Amino acid sequence: METVFNEEFCTKLEFRICRELEKSEDPELKGFWCDGVSWFPNESQLTKKYVNDKRKIETKAWIGKTGQTEFRAIIHFGKSALSKYAKSTDLTKSIPELEAQTEWINIDLSKNLIEIQLD
């Protein structure tokens, strides 16, 4: 299934998460980095109807001091991301900029969970 939730998007997201982790002031996240976000979630999640109804895609990300700890990744779609997904246009534009003032990433180390909020 061809979709805008693809390798290019997940690679850009991985690099943005790395940059965010680099500048994090959270002592628990010191030295953490991201070694990938899977663009292979359960395929039924990639339908436009699913994304429009649920406003999220669940997949995996590898994060930690070695970048090898598997985390459950929930990627939440904001209005802009939903619109881009529905139109099959470039989703990378909905990844918040580095200087974004919003808390767009939430990492729960006790649950190995990362939640990401796209614009």
N, C-alpha and C. Protein backbone atom coordinates (compact mmCIF):
# COMPACT_ATOMS: atom_id res chain seq x y z
N MET A 1 0.85 -1.19 0.00
CA MET A 1 0.00 0.00 0.00
C MET A 1 0.89 1.25 0.00
N GLU A 2 0.71 2.09 -0.99
CA GLU A 2 1.49 3.32 -1.10
C GLU A 2 0.85 4.37 -0.18
N THR A 3 1.65 4.98 0.66
CA THR A 3 1.12 5.94 1.62
C THR A 3 2.17 7.01 1.93
N VAL A 4 1.73 8.15 2.45
CA VAL A 4 2.70 9.20 2.81
C VAL A 4 3.34 8.91 4.17
N PHE A 5 2.82 7.91 4.89
CA PHE A 5 3.50 7.43 6.11
C PHE A 5 4.48 6.38 5.61
N ASN A 6 5.68 6.84 5.24
CA ASN A 6 6.62 5.99 4.53
C ASN A 6 8.04 6.17 5.08
N GLU A 7 9.00 5.55 4.40
CA GLU A 7 10.39 5.60 4.86
C GLU A 7 10.91 7.03 4.95
N GLU A 8 10.61 7.84 3.94
CA GLU A 8 11.09 9.23 3.95
C GLU A 8 10.56 9.99 5.17
N PHE A 9 9.25 9.87 5.42
CA PHE A 9 8.64 10.56 6.57
C PHE A 9 9.25 10.05 7.87
N CYS A 10 9.35 8.73 8.03
CA CYS A 10 9.85 8.16 9.29
C CYS A 10 11.32 8.50 9.52
N THR A 11 12.10 8.60 8.45
CA THR A 11 13.51 8.98 8.58
C THR A 11 13.62 10.43 9.04
N LYS A 12 12.81 11.32 8.45
CA LYS A 12 12.83 12.73 8.87
C LYS A 12 12.38 12.85 10.32
N LEU A 13 11.37 12.06 10.70
CA LEU A 13 10.88 12.08 12.08
C LEU A 13 11.98 11.59 13.02
N GLU A 14 12.68 10.54 12.65
CA GLU A 14 13.80 10.01 13.46
C GLU A 14 14.84 11.10 13.71
N PHE A 15 15.25 11.82 12.66
CA PHE A 15 16.26 12.87 12.82
C PHE A 15 15.76 14.00 13.71
N ARG A 16 14.47 14.36 13.58
CA ARG A 16 13.90 15.42 14.42
C ARG A 16 13.87 14.98 15.89
N ILE A 17 13.52 13.72 16.14
CA ILE A 17 13.50 13.21 17.52
C ILE A 17 14.92 13.26 18.09
N CYS A 18 15.91 12.87 17.30
CA CYS A 18 17.32 12.94 17.75
C CYS A 18 17.69 14.36 18.15
N ARG A 19 17.34 15.32 17.31
CA ARG A 19 17.67 16.73 17.62
C ARG A 19 16.98 17.17 18.90
N GLU A 20 15.74 16.76 19.08
CA GLU A 20 14.99 17.12 20.28
C GLU A 20 15.63 16.49 21.51
N LEU A 21 16.04 15.22 21.41
CA LEU A 21 16.67 14.54 22.53
C LEU A 21 18.02 15.19 22.88
N GLU A 22 18.76 15.62 21.86
CA GLU A 22 20.05 16.29 22.08
C GLU A 22 19.91 17.52 22.95
N LYS A 23 18.84 18.29 22.71
CA LYS A 23 18.70 19.53 23.45
C LYS A 23 17.80 19.40 24.69
N SER A 24 17.36 18.17 24.97
CA SER A 24 16.50 17.95 26.14
C SER A 24 17.26 18.25 27.43
N GLU A 25 16.57 18.88 28.35
CA GLU A 25 17.18 19.18 29.65
C GLU A 25 16.79 18.13 30.68
N ASP A 26 16.01 17.14 30.26
CA ASP A 26 15.57 16.08 31.17
C ASP A 26 16.77 15.16 31.46
N PRO A 27 17.20 15.09 32.73
CA PRO A 27 18.37 14.26 33.05
C PRO A 27 18.18 12.78 32.70
N GLU A 28 16.94 12.28 32.75
CA GLU A 28 16.68 10.88 32.42
C GLU A 28 16.91 10.59 30.94
N LEU A 29 16.85 11.62 30.10
CA LEU A 29 17.00 11.43 28.65
C LEU A 29 18.39 11.82 28.15
N LYS A 30 19.29 12.14 29.09
CA LYS A 30 20.67 12.53 28.72
C LYS A 30 21.33 11.39 27.94
N GLY A 31 21.88 11.71 26.78
CA GLY A 31 22.57 10.70 26.00
C GLY A 31 21.67 9.81 25.16
N PHE A 32 20.37 10.06 25.19
CA PHE A 32 19.42 9.26 24.40
C PHE A 32 19.45 9.72 22.95
N TRP A 33 19.16 8.78 22.06
CA TRP A 33 18.98 9.11 20.66
C TRP A 33 18.01 8.12 20.05
N CYS A 34 17.57 8.41 18.85
CA CYS A 34 16.59 7.57 18.16
C CYS A 34 17.27 6.93 16.96
N ASP A 35 17.15 5.60 16.85
CA ASP A 35 17.77 4.88 15.75
C ASP A 35 16.73 4.36 14.77
N GLY A 36 15.59 5.02 14.71
CA GLY A 36 14.61 4.64 13.70
C GLY A 36 13.18 4.66 14.19
N VAL A 37 12.29 4.91 13.25
CA VAL A 37 10.85 4.83 13.46
C VAL A 37 10.34 3.92 12.36
N SER A 38 9.60 2.89 12.74
CA SER A 38 9.12 1.92 11.75
C SER A 38 8.01 2.51 10.89
N TRP A 39 8.15 2.34 9.57
CA TRP A 39 7.08 2.75 8.66
C TRP A 39 6.24 1.54 8.26
N PHE A 40 6.31 0.48 9.10
CA PHE A 40 5.51 -0.72 8.86
C PHE A 40 4.57 -1.02 10.03
N PRO A 41 3.63 -0.12 10.32
CA PRO A 41 2.65 -0.48 11.36
C PRO A 41 1.70 -1.52 10.78
N ASN A 42 0.76 -1.97 11.59
CA ASN A 42 -0.30 -2.84 11.08
C ASN A 42 -0.92 -2.13 9.88
N GLU A 43 -0.96 -2.80 8.73
CA GLU A 43 -1.35 -2.13 7.49
C GLU A 43 -2.74 -1.51 7.52
N SER A 44 -3.66 -2.06 8.32
CA SER A 44 -5.01 -1.49 8.37
C SER A 44 -4.99 -0.06 8.94
N GLN A 45 -3.93 0.27 9.69
CA GLN A 45 -3.83 1.63 10.24
C GLN A 45 -3.48 2.67 9.18
N LEU A 46 -3.00 2.22 8.04
CA LEU A 46 -2.55 3.15 7.02
C LEU A 46 -3.65 3.64 6.10
N THR A 47 -4.86 3.11 6.25
CA THR A 47 -5.96 3.59 5.40
C THR A 47 -6.33 5.01 5.81
N LYS A 48 -6.78 5.77 4.83
CA LYS A 48 -7.18 7.16 5.11
C LYS A 48 -8.34 7.19 6.11
N LYS A 49 -9.24 6.23 5.98
CA LYS A 49 -10.38 6.19 6.91
C LYS A 49 -9.91 5.96 8.34
N TYR A 50 -9.00 5.01 8.54
CA TYR A 50 -8.49 4.73 9.89
C TYR A 50 -7.83 5.98 10.48
N VAL A 51 -6.94 6.61 9.72
CA VAL A 51 -6.23 7.79 10.23
C VAL A 51 -7.20 8.91 10.51
N ASN A 52 -8.19 9.10 9.63
CA ASN A 52 -9.18 10.15 9.85
C ASN A 52 -10.02 9.88 11.10
N ASP A 53 -10.41 8.61 11.30
CA ASP A 53 -11.26 8.26 12.45
C ASP A 53 -10.48 8.26 13.76
N LYS A 54 -9.29 7.65 13.77
CA LYS A 54 -8.52 7.47 15.01
C LYS A 54 -7.55 8.62 15.29
N ARG A 55 -7.16 9.34 14.24
CA ARG A 55 -6.23 10.46 14.35
C ARG A 55 -4.86 10.06 14.90
N LYS A 56 -4.46 8.81 14.63
CA LYS A 56 -3.16 8.34 15.10
C LYS A 56 -2.75 7.10 14.33
N ILE A 57 -1.44 6.82 14.38
CA ILE A 57 -0.88 5.57 13.88
C ILE A 57 0.04 5.06 14.98
N GLU A 58 -0.08 3.77 15.31
CA GLU A 58 0.82 3.16 16.30
C GLU A 58 1.85 2.33 15.57
N THR A 59 3.12 2.53 15.95
CA THR A 59 4.21 1.80 15.33
C THR A 59 5.29 1.58 16.38
N LYS A 60 6.53 1.40 15.96
CA LYS A 60 7.65 1.22 16.89
C LYS A 60 8.71 2.25 16.60
N ALA A 61 9.47 2.58 17.65
CA ALA A 61 10.66 3.43 17.50
C ALA A 61 11.74 2.82 18.37
N TRP A 62 12.98 3.02 17.97
CA TRP A 62 14.10 2.50 18.75
C TRP A 62 14.84 3.69 19.34
N ILE A 63 14.83 3.76 20.69
CA ILE A 63 15.32 4.92 21.42
C ILE A 63 16.16 4.45 22.60
N GLY A 64 17.01 5.31 23.09
CA GLY A 64 17.77 5.01 24.30
C GLY A 64 19.21 5.44 24.15
N LYS A 65 20.03 5.11 25.14
CA LYS A 65 21.45 5.48 25.08
C LYS A 65 22.16 4.74 23.95
N THR A 66 21.69 3.54 23.62
CA THR A 66 22.27 2.80 22.49
C THR A 66 21.40 2.97 21.25
N GLY A 67 20.20 3.51 21.42
CA GLY A 67 19.28 3.65 20.30
C GLY A 67 18.62 2.34 19.92
N GLN A 68 18.75 1.32 20.78
CA GLN A 68 18.26 0.00 20.42
C GLN A 68 17.08 -0.48 21.27
N THR A 69 16.62 0.32 22.21
CA THR A 69 15.48 -0.09 23.04
C THR A 69 14.20 0.15 22.25
N GLU A 70 13.39 -0.91 22.14
CA GLU A 70 12.16 -0.79 21.36
C GLU A 70 11.09 -0.08 22.18
N PHE A 71 10.52 0.96 21.62
CA PHE A 71 9.44 1.71 22.24
C PHE A 71 8.19 1.59 21.39
N ARG A 72 7.03 1.60 22.04
CA ARG A 72 5.78 1.72 21.31
C ARG A 72 5.68 3.20 20.93
N ALA A 73 5.43 3.50 19.68
CA ALA A 73 5.34 4.89 19.23
C ALA A 73 3.91 5.17 18.77
N ILE A 74 3.31 6.18 19.37
CA ILE A 74 1.97 6.60 18.95
C ILE A 74 2.13 7.98 18.31
N ILE A 75 1.81 8.06 17.04
CA ILE A 75 1.95 9.30 16.30
C ILE A 75 0.55 9.89 16.12
N HIS A 76 0.32 11.00 16.81
CA HIS A 76 -0.98 11.67 16.78
C HIS A 76 -1.00 12.70 15.65
N PHE A 77 -2.10 12.75 14.93
CA PHE A 77 -2.25 13.66 13.80
C PHE A 77 -3.04 14.90 14.19
N GLY A 78 -2.43 16.07 14.04
CA GLY A 78 -3.14 17.33 14.21
C GLY A 78 -3.89 17.65 12.92
N LYS A 79 -4.55 18.82 12.88
CA LYS A 79 -5.37 19.19 11.72
C LYS A 79 -4.57 19.20 10.41
N SER A 80 -3.40 19.82 10.45
CA SER A 80 -2.58 19.92 9.24
C SER A 80 -2.15 18.53 8.75
N ALA A 81 -1.71 17.68 9.68
CA ALA A 81 -1.27 16.33 9.31
C ALA A 81 -2.44 15.50 8.76
N LEU A 82 -3.62 15.64 9.37
CA LEU A 82 -4.80 14.91 8.87
C LEU A 82 -5.12 15.32 7.44
N SER A 83 -5.07 16.62 7.19
CA SER A 83 -5.37 17.14 5.85
C SER A 83 -4.35 16.62 4.84
N LYS A 84 -3.07 16.65 5.21
CA LYS A 84 -2.02 16.16 4.31
C LYS A 84 -2.20 14.66 4.04
N TYR A 85 -2.54 13.90 5.08
CA TYR A 85 -2.71 12.46 4.91
C TYR A 85 -3.89 12.18 3.98
N ALA A 86 -4.99 12.89 4.18
CA ALA A 86 -6.19 12.69 3.36
C ALA A 86 -5.90 12.99 1.89
N LYS A 87 -5.04 14.00 1.64
CA LYS A 87 -4.72 14.41 0.27
C LYS A 87 -3.49 13.70 -0.29
N SER A 88 -2.88 12.82 0.51
CA SER A 88 -1.65 12.12 0.12
C SER A 88 -0.53 13.09 -0.25
N THR A 89 -0.42 14.18 0.51
CA THR A 89 0.67 15.13 0.28
C THR A 89 1.73 14.97 1.37
N ASP A 90 2.89 15.55 1.15
CA ASP A 90 4.07 15.39 2.00
C ASP A 90 3.78 15.62 3.48
N LEU A 91 3.88 14.54 4.24
CA LEU A 91 3.58 14.57 5.68
C LEU A 91 4.74 15.17 6.49
N THR A 92 5.94 15.23 5.90
CA THR A 92 7.09 15.74 6.66
C THR A 92 6.89 17.19 7.09
N LYS A 93 6.08 17.93 6.35
CA LYS A 93 5.84 19.34 6.69
C LYS A 93 5.03 19.49 7.99
N SER A 94 4.47 18.40 8.48
CA SER A 94 3.69 18.49 9.72
C SER A 94 4.51 18.10 10.96
N ILE A 95 5.82 17.81 10.75
CA ILE A 95 6.71 17.56 11.89
C ILE A 95 7.09 18.93 12.45
N PRO A 96 6.86 19.18 13.74
CA PRO A 96 7.19 20.51 14.29
C PRO A 96 8.66 20.88 14.08
N GLU A 97 8.88 22.17 13.86
CA GLU A 97 10.24 22.69 13.67
C GLU A 97 11.03 22.53 14.96
N LEU A 98 12.36 22.57 14.84
CA LEU A 98 13.23 22.39 15.99
C LEU A 98 12.95 23.42 17.08
N GLU A 99 12.68 24.65 16.70
CA GLU A 99 12.46 25.69 17.71
C GLU A 99 11.00 25.77 18.16
N ALA A 100 10.21 24.78 17.80
CA ALA A 100 8.79 24.78 18.20
C ALA A 100 8.69 24.89 19.72
N GLN A 101 7.82 25.73 20.17
CA GLN A 101 7.67 25.95 21.61
C GLN A 101 6.74 24.91 22.25
N THR A 102 6.13 24.10 21.44
CA THR A 102 5.18 23.13 21.98
C THR A 102 5.90 21.86 22.41
N GLU A 103 5.34 21.19 23.37
CA GLU A 103 5.84 19.87 23.78
C GLU A 103 5.22 18.86 22.82
N TRP A 104 5.93 18.52 21.77
CA TRP A 104 5.35 17.65 20.75
C TRP A 104 5.77 16.20 20.91
N ILE A 105 6.70 15.96 21.85
CA ILE A 105 7.14 14.59 22.14
C ILE A 105 6.95 14.33 23.62
N ASN A 106 6.41 13.18 23.95
CA ASN A 106 6.30 12.77 25.34
C ASN A 106 6.86 11.35 25.43
N ILE A 107 7.87 11.18 26.29
CA ILE A 107 8.49 9.86 26.44
C ILE A 107 8.23 9.34 27.84
N ASP A 108 7.64 8.16 27.94
CA ASP A 108 7.38 7.51 29.22
C ASP A 108 8.33 6.31 29.31
N LEU A 109 9.43 6.48 30.07
CA LEU A 109 10.44 5.43 30.17
C LEU A 109 9.93 4.19 30.89
N SER A 110 8.99 4.36 31.81
CA SER A 110 8.47 3.21 32.55
C SER A 110 7.63 2.30 31.66
N LYS A 111 7.04 2.85 30.60
CA LYS A 111 6.20 2.07 29.69
C LYS A 111 6.85 1.83 28.33
N ASN A 112 8.09 2.33 28.15
CA ASN A 112 8.74 2.28 26.83
C ASN A 112 7.77 2.79 25.76
N LEU A 113 7.30 4.01 25.98
CA LEU A 113 6.30 4.62 25.11
C LEU A 113 6.75 6.02 24.71
N ILE A 114 6.65 6.32 23.43
CA ILE A 114 6.87 7.68 22.95
C ILE A 114 5.60 8.11 22.22
N GLU A 115 5.11 9.30 22.57
CA GLU A 115 3.95 9.86 21.88
C GLU A 115 4.42 11.11 21.16
N ILE A 116 4.03 11.22 19.91
CA ILE A 116 4.47 12.30 19.03
C ILE A 116 3.23 13.01 18.51
N GLN A 117 3.24 14.34 18.60
CA GLN A 117 2.11 15.13 18.11
C GLN A 117 2.53 15.88 16.86
N LEU A 118 1.96 15.51 15.72
CA LEU A 118 2.20 16.24 14.49
C LEU A 118 1.29 17.47 14.45
N ASP A 119 1.69 18.48 13.67
CA ASP A 119 0.86 19.69 13.56
C ASP A 119 -0.46 19.37 12.88
